[in-house]
């Protein structure tokens, strides 16, 4: 006699559509679990930030993301940061929220690539004000200041969130997604999807992360350590990719060496922006049903 699948699990059992909240939570969990060099992952915490912090953060933003289409992008980012601060008291996911909120606002009957431009084009001054409040609440590292539309300015912004992001797009990869309709996020989702057809998902994520990092200097590293260090990290990521191509033993050694070097300076070389884009790419994969269930992660 066949056991009936519980109603709550029907969408997953049929590989059907998952809610925005489930997509966001699962994307954040997978991103944090993949052993990406220089980042927190299972068994590799920072002194002030743990894998458990990322797990809790992933859980509490799910309900927030489920309401993104109704509440708007700025309100979703602010609510997500507030929920995270209450849960873990530290910034784990500001970048992820800034990326996932527009993705979660794309109507369910539209593809991400087809709908994200309209979402970004409809962003308002209020979205900017709420996103700025979220950034101040999260207190991200190495933020610095800007000559125009500074997030720390006491006066509220007078431009839309997309316009504000365009001012930072030359120096920040997350801001750039608001200008180029999430080009790097969509490209990374495509890479992970291709690799996951042959490899465990965790390995596919690491490979795509290294390719992203090799091709685009990480914004967080650039803010904390300067553009030259960000370029050096990209060069070393490219070297790691070359070593990986030599086989499994070379792969393990290259990843371990790169991970150690990234952590050697009190994790100031943490490629956090690249991790955020990977999380957003995983959201796209889940939203567009590019994941084969059951997932083989390891």
Protein backbone atom coordinates (compact mmCIF):
# COMPACT_ATOMS: atom_id res chain seq x y z
CA UNK A 1 0.00 0.00 0.00
CA UNK A 2 1.47 3.37 -1.02
CA UNK A 3 1.80 5.98 1.74
CA UNK A 4 0.28 9.31 0.80
CA UNK A 5 2.63 12.29 0.77
CA UNK A 6 1.52 14.92 3.33
CA UNK A 7 -0.09 17.99 1.78
CA UNK A 8 2.68 20.29 3.01
CA UNK A 9 5.25 18.27 1.06
CA UNK A 10 3.29 17.91 -2.17
CA UNK A 11 5.09 20.75 -4.03
CA UNK A 12 8.52 19.34 -3.20
CA UNK A 13 7.51 15.78 -3.94
CA UNK A 14 6.32 16.85 -7.36
CA UNK A 15 9.34 19.15 -7.88
CA UNK A 16 6.81 21.93 -8.19
CA UNK A 17 7.02 25.59 -7.32
CA UNK A 18 8.38 26.49 -3.89
CA UNK A 19 7.33 29.66 -2.12
CA UNK A 20 9.73 32.64 -2.17
CA UNK A 21 10.39 32.08 1.53
CA UNK A 22 11.32 28.43 1.09
CA UNK A 23 13.53 29.34 -1.88
CA UNK A 24 15.32 32.02 0.17
CA UNK A 25 15.84 29.84 3.22
CA UNK A 26 17.09 26.86 1.26
CA UNK A 27 19.35 29.01 -0.94
CA UNK A 28 20.95 30.56 2.15
CA UNK A 29 21.40 27.16 3.79
CA UNK A 30 23.05 25.68 0.69
CA UNK A 31 25.30 28.70 0.25
CA UNK A 32 26.47 28.50 3.86
CA UNK A 33 26.96 24.73 3.75
CA UNK A 34 29.10 24.64 0.60
CA UNK A 35 32.81 24.71 1.50
CA UNK A 36 33.64 27.94 -0.33
CA UNK A 37 37.21 29.10 0.43
CA UNK A 38 37.40 32.12 2.71
CA UNK A 39 33.79 31.96 3.92
CA UNK A 40 31.99 30.48 6.90
CA UNK A 41 30.77 26.96 6.24
CA UNK A 42 30.08 23.83 8.25
CA UNK A 43 33.10 23.24 10.51
CA UNK A 44 34.78 26.52 9.51
CA UNK A 45 33.52 29.38 11.67
CA UNK A 46 34.95 32.85 12.16
CA UNK A 47 35.71 34.07 15.68
CA UNK A 48 32.71 36.41 15.58
CA UNK A 49 30.44 34.55 13.16
CA UNK A 50 29.39 30.92 13.03
CA UNK A 51 27.71 28.48 10.70
CA UNK A 52 24.87 28.29 13.24
CA UNK A 53 24.35 32.05 12.83
CA UNK A 54 23.81 31.55 9.09
CA UNK A 55 21.42 28.65 9.70
CA UNK A 56 19.30 30.71 12.08
CA UNK A 57 19.37 33.69 9.70
CA UNK A 58 18.21 31.53 6.82
CA UNK A 59 15.24 30.34 8.84
CA UNK A 60 14.00 33.73 10.04
CA UNK A 61 14.03 35.46 6.65
CA UNK A 62 11.73 32.90 5.02
CA UNK A 63 8.45 34.44 6.22
CA UNK A 64 9.73 37.89 5.27
CA UNK A 65 10.50 36.82 1.71
CA UNK A 66 7.07 35.26 1.33
CA UNK A 67 5.59 38.76 1.61
CA UNK A 68 8.03 40.53 -0.73
CA UNK A 69 5.62 40.89 -3.64
CA UNK A 70 3.09 42.66 -1.42
CA UNK A 71 5.38 44.69 0.84
CA UNK A 72 7.97 45.84 -1.71
CA UNK A 73 11.73 45.51 -2.01
CA UNK A 74 12.87 48.12 0.50
CA UNK A 75 10.45 47.00 3.22
CA UNK A 76 11.46 43.38 2.67
CA UNK A 77 15.17 44.16 3.06
CA UNK A 78 14.53 46.15 6.22
CA UNK A 79 12.26 43.48 7.74
CA UNK A 80 14.78 40.76 6.88
CA UNK A 81 17.67 42.62 8.50
CA UNK A 82 15.55 43.34 11.59
CA UNK A 83 14.58 39.66 11.90
CA UNK A 84 18.21 38.62 11.51
CA UNK A 85 19.42 41.10 14.13
CA UNK A 86 16.85 39.77 16.59
CA UNK A 87 17.85 36.17 15.90
CA UNK A 88 21.65 36.34 15.83
CA UNK A 89 22.66 39.92 16.67
CA UNK A 90 25.15 40.13 13.81
CA UNK A 91 25.07 40.89 10.07
CA UNK A 92 24.99 37.60 8.19
CA UNK A 93 22.83 38.39 5.18
CA UNK A 94 22.45 42.06 4.24
CA UNK A 95 23.87 41.42 0.77
CA UNK A 96 21.71 38.35 0.30
CA UNK A 97 18.60 40.28 1.27
CA UNK A 98 19.43 43.15 -1.08
CA UNK A 99 19.70 40.60 -3.89
CA UNK A 100 16.86 38.24 -3.00
CA UNK A 101 14.21 40.86 -2.24
CA UNK A 102 13.91 41.98 -5.90
CA UNK A 103 14.01 38.34 -7.03
CA UNK A 104 11.22 37.44 -4.59
CA UNK A 105 9.15 40.37 -5.89
CA UNK A 106 9.07 38.97 -9.44
CA UNK A 107 5.51 37.66 -10.05
CA UNK A 108 5.18 33.90 -9.88
CA UNK A 109 3.90 33.72 -13.45
CA UNK A 110 7.04 35.37 -14.84
CA UNK A 111 10.58 34.10 -15.22
CA UNK A 112 13.30 35.86 -13.26
CA UNK A 113 15.04 37.07 -16.40
CA UNK A 114 11.74 38.27 -17.85
CA UNK A 115 10.44 39.99 -14.72
CA UNK A 116 13.43 41.36 -12.82
CA UNK A 117 13.79 44.43 -15.06
CA UNK A 118 10.23 45.51 -14.34
CA UNK A 119 10.74 45.06 -10.60
CA UNK A 120 13.90 47.14 -10.65
CA UNK A 121 12.29 49.77 -12.85
CA UNK A 122 9.43 50.19 -10.39
CA UNK A 123 11.63 50.84 -7.32
CA UNK A 124 10.82 54.05 -5.47
CA UNK A 125 12.39 56.64 -3.21
CA UNK A 126 10.68 54.89 -0.30
CA UNK A 127 12.47 51.66 -1.27
CA UNK A 128 15.75 53.57 -1.07
CA UNK A 129 14.88 55.04 2.32
CA UNK A 130 13.99 51.61 3.72
CA UNK A 131 17.07 49.94 2.21
CA UNK A 132 19.28 52.68 3.67
CA UNK A 133 17.71 52.07 7.08
CA UNK A 134 18.43 48.35 6.69
CA UNK A 135 22.08 49.03 5.83
CA UNK A 136 22.51 51.28 8.86
CA UNK A 137 20.90 48.62 11.07
CA UNK A 138 23.13 45.84 9.70
CA UNK A 139 26.33 47.93 9.98
CA UNK A 140 28.27 46.10 7.26
CA UNK A 141 32.05 46.13 7.41
CA UNK A 142 34.10 48.57 5.34
CA UNK A 143 31.11 50.59 4.17
CA UNK A 144 32.90 53.96 3.99
CA UNK A 145 31.17 57.06 2.64
CA UNK A 146 29.98 58.45 -0.68
CA UNK A 147 29.89 61.97 -2.07
CA UNK A 148 26.28 61.58 -3.25
CA UNK A 149 23.36 59.73 -1.61
CA UNK A 150 25.52 58.55 1.30
CA UNK A 151 23.70 55.91 3.30
CA UNK A 152 24.83 57.57 6.56
CA UNK A 153 23.48 60.98 5.59
CA UNK A 154 20.92 62.20 8.14
CA UNK A 155 18.75 63.49 5.32
CA UNK A 156 16.51 60.90 3.61
CA UNK A 157 17.39 59.94 0.03
CA UNK A 158 15.69 61.80 -2.81
CA UNK A 159 16.35 59.20 -5.52
CA UNK A 160 14.98 55.72 -6.14
CA UNK A 161 16.75 52.61 -4.90
CA UNK A 162 17.80 51.69 -8.43
CA UNK A 163 19.22 55.18 -8.98
CA UNK A 164 21.07 54.94 -5.68
CA UNK A 165 22.50 51.58 -6.64
CA UNK A 166 23.63 52.91 -10.01
CA UNK A 167 25.83 55.43 -8.19
CA UNK A 168 27.70 52.56 -6.53
CA UNK A 169 27.62 50.09 -9.41
CA UNK A 170 31.21 50.75 -10.48
CA UNK A 171 32.56 49.67 -7.09
CA UNK A 172 29.99 47.22 -5.72
CA UNK A 173 28.84 43.98 -7.33
CA UNK A 174 25.52 43.90 -5.49
CA UNK A 175 24.68 47.43 -6.61
CA UNK A 176 25.67 46.45 -10.16
CA UNK A 177 22.94 43.80 -10.25
CA UNK A 178 20.34 46.54 -9.86
CA UNK A 179 21.70 48.18 -13.01
CA UNK A 180 22.38 45.19 -15.27
CA UNK A 181 19.23 43.18 -14.39
CA UNK A 182 21.15 40.66 -12.27
CA UNK A 183 23.48 39.57 -15.06
CA UNK A 184 26.15 38.02 -12.81
CA UNK A 185 23.55 36.32 -10.61
CA UNK A 186 21.84 34.73 -13.61
CA UNK A 187 25.18 33.66 -15.13
CA UNK A 188 26.22 32.06 -11.84
CA UNK A 189 22.89 30.23 -11.60
CA UNK A 190 23.50 28.85 -15.08
CA UNK A 191 27.00 27.67 -14.11
CA UNK A 192 25.79 25.93 -10.96
CA UNK A 193 22.96 24.27 -12.89
CA UNK A 194 25.37 22.93 -15.50
CA UNK A 195 27.89 21.58 -13.00
CA UNK A 196 25.19 20.09 -10.76
CA UNK A 197 24.07 17.86 -13.62
CA UNK A 198 27.27 15.87 -13.15
CA UNK A 199 28.63 16.77 -9.70
CA UNK A 200 27.23 16.95 -6.17
CA UNK A 201 25.60 20.32 -5.60
CA UNK A 202 28.19 21.39 -3.04
CA UNK A 203 31.02 20.90 -5.54
CA UNK A 204 29.05 22.70 -8.25
CA UNK A 205 28.55 25.68 -5.93
CA UNK A 206 32.26 25.88 -5.09
CA UNK A 207 33.26 25.68 -8.76
CA UNK A 208 30.86 28.43 -9.80
CA UNK A 209 31.91 30.57 -6.81
CA UNK A 210 35.58 30.33 -7.81
CA UNK A 211 34.75 31.24 -11.40
CA UNK A 212 32.76 34.25 -10.24
CA UNK A 213 35.56 35.33 -7.90
CA UNK A 214 38.22 34.83 -10.58
CA UNK A 215 36.31 36.99 -13.05
CA UNK A 216 35.08 39.71 -10.70
CA UNK A 217 37.14 41.12 -7.79
CA UNK A 218 35.11 40.86 -4.59
CA UNK A 219 33.55 44.15 -3.45
CA UNK A 220 33.80 43.40 0.27
CA UNK A 221 37.52 42.67 -0.01
CA UNK A 222 38.00 45.84 -2.04
CA UNK A 223 36.27 47.90 0.67
CA UNK A 224 38.21 46.32 3.53
CA UNK A 225 41.62 45.74 1.96
CA UNK A 226 41.73 47.84 -1.21
CA UNK A 227 41.33 47.12 -4.93
CA UNK A 228 44.82 45.64 -5.32
CA UNK A 229 44.09 42.95 -2.73
CA UNK A 230 40.73 42.19 -4.34
CA UNK A 231 42.55 41.70 -7.66
CA UNK A 232 45.11 39.45 -5.95
CA UNK A 233 42.31 37.30 -4.54
CA UNK A 234 40.81 36.99 -8.02
CA UNK A 235 44.19 35.92 -9.42
CA UNK A 236 44.56 33.27 -6.72
CA UNK A 237 41.03 32.04 -7.42
CA UNK A 238 42.03 31.59 -11.07
CA UNK A 239 45.14 29.67 -9.95
CA UNK A 240 42.96 27.42 -7.79
CA UNK A 241 40.73 26.68 -10.76
CA UNK A 242 43.75 25.63 -12.81
CA UNK A 243 44.91 23.32 -10.03
CA UNK A 244 41.44 21.81 -9.65
CA UNK A 245 41.52 20.78 -13.29
CA UNK A 246 44.48 18.50 -12.53
CA UNK A 247 42.38 16.04 -10.51
CA UNK A 248 40.81 15.28 -7.11
CA UNK A 249 44.03 15.34 -5.06
CA UNK A 250 45.13 18.63 -6.59
CA UNK A 251 41.61 19.98 -6.06
CA UNK A 252 41.60 19.28 -2.33
CA UNK A 253 45.08 20.75 -1.85
CA UNK A 254 44.33 23.88 -3.90
CA UNK A 255 41.08 24.58 -2.07
CA UNK A 256 42.70 24.05 1.35
CA UNK A 257 45.63 26.33 0.52
CA UNK A 258 43.37 29.07 -0.87
CA UNK A 259 41.05 28.81 2.12
CA UNK A 260 43.95 29.09 4.56
CA UNK A 261 45.40 32.14 2.80
CA UNK A 262 42.06 33.94 2.70
CA UNK A 263 41.60 33.41 6.46
CA UNK A 264 45.19 34.30 7.44
CA UNK A 265 44.54 38.01 8.00
CA UNK A 266 41.72 37.74 10.53
CA UNK A 267 39.32 36.82 7.68
CA UNK A 268 39.55 40.36 6.27
CA UNK A 269 39.95 38.73 2.83
CA UNK A 270 36.54 37.08 3.16
CA UNK A 271 34.90 37.13 -0.31
CA UNK A 272 31.50 37.95 1.18
CA UNK A 273 30.02 39.68 -1.85
CA UNK A 274 30.76 36.66 -4.03
CA UNK A 275 29.00 34.45 -1.47
CA UNK A 276 25.97 36.75 -1.57
CA UNK A 277 25.74 36.43 -5.35
CA UNK A 278 25.98 32.65 -5.07
CA UNK A 279 23.06 32.63 -2.61
CA UNK A 280 21.01 34.73 -5.02
CA UNK A 281 21.93 32.37 -7.88
CA UNK A 282 20.70 29.41 -5.82
CA UNK A 283 17.46 31.29 -5.23
CA UNK A 284 17.06 31.63 -9.00
CA UNK A 285 17.66 27.90 -9.48
CA UNK A 286 15.04 27.01 -6.88
CA UNK A 287 12.52 29.56 -8.13
CA UNK A 288 12.90 28.34 -11.72
CA UNK A 289 12.86 24.64 -10.80
CA UNK A 290 16.37 23.91 -12.02
CA UNK A 291 17.06 21.65 -9.05
CA UNK A 292 16.78 17.87 -9.39
CA UNK A 293 15.21 16.26 -6.34
CA UNK A 294 16.38 14.56 -4.21
CA UNK A 295 19.46 16.77 -4.05
CA UNK A 296 22.88 15.12 -3.77
CA UNK A 297 24.85 17.79 -1.93
CA UNK A 298 28.05 15.86 -1.10
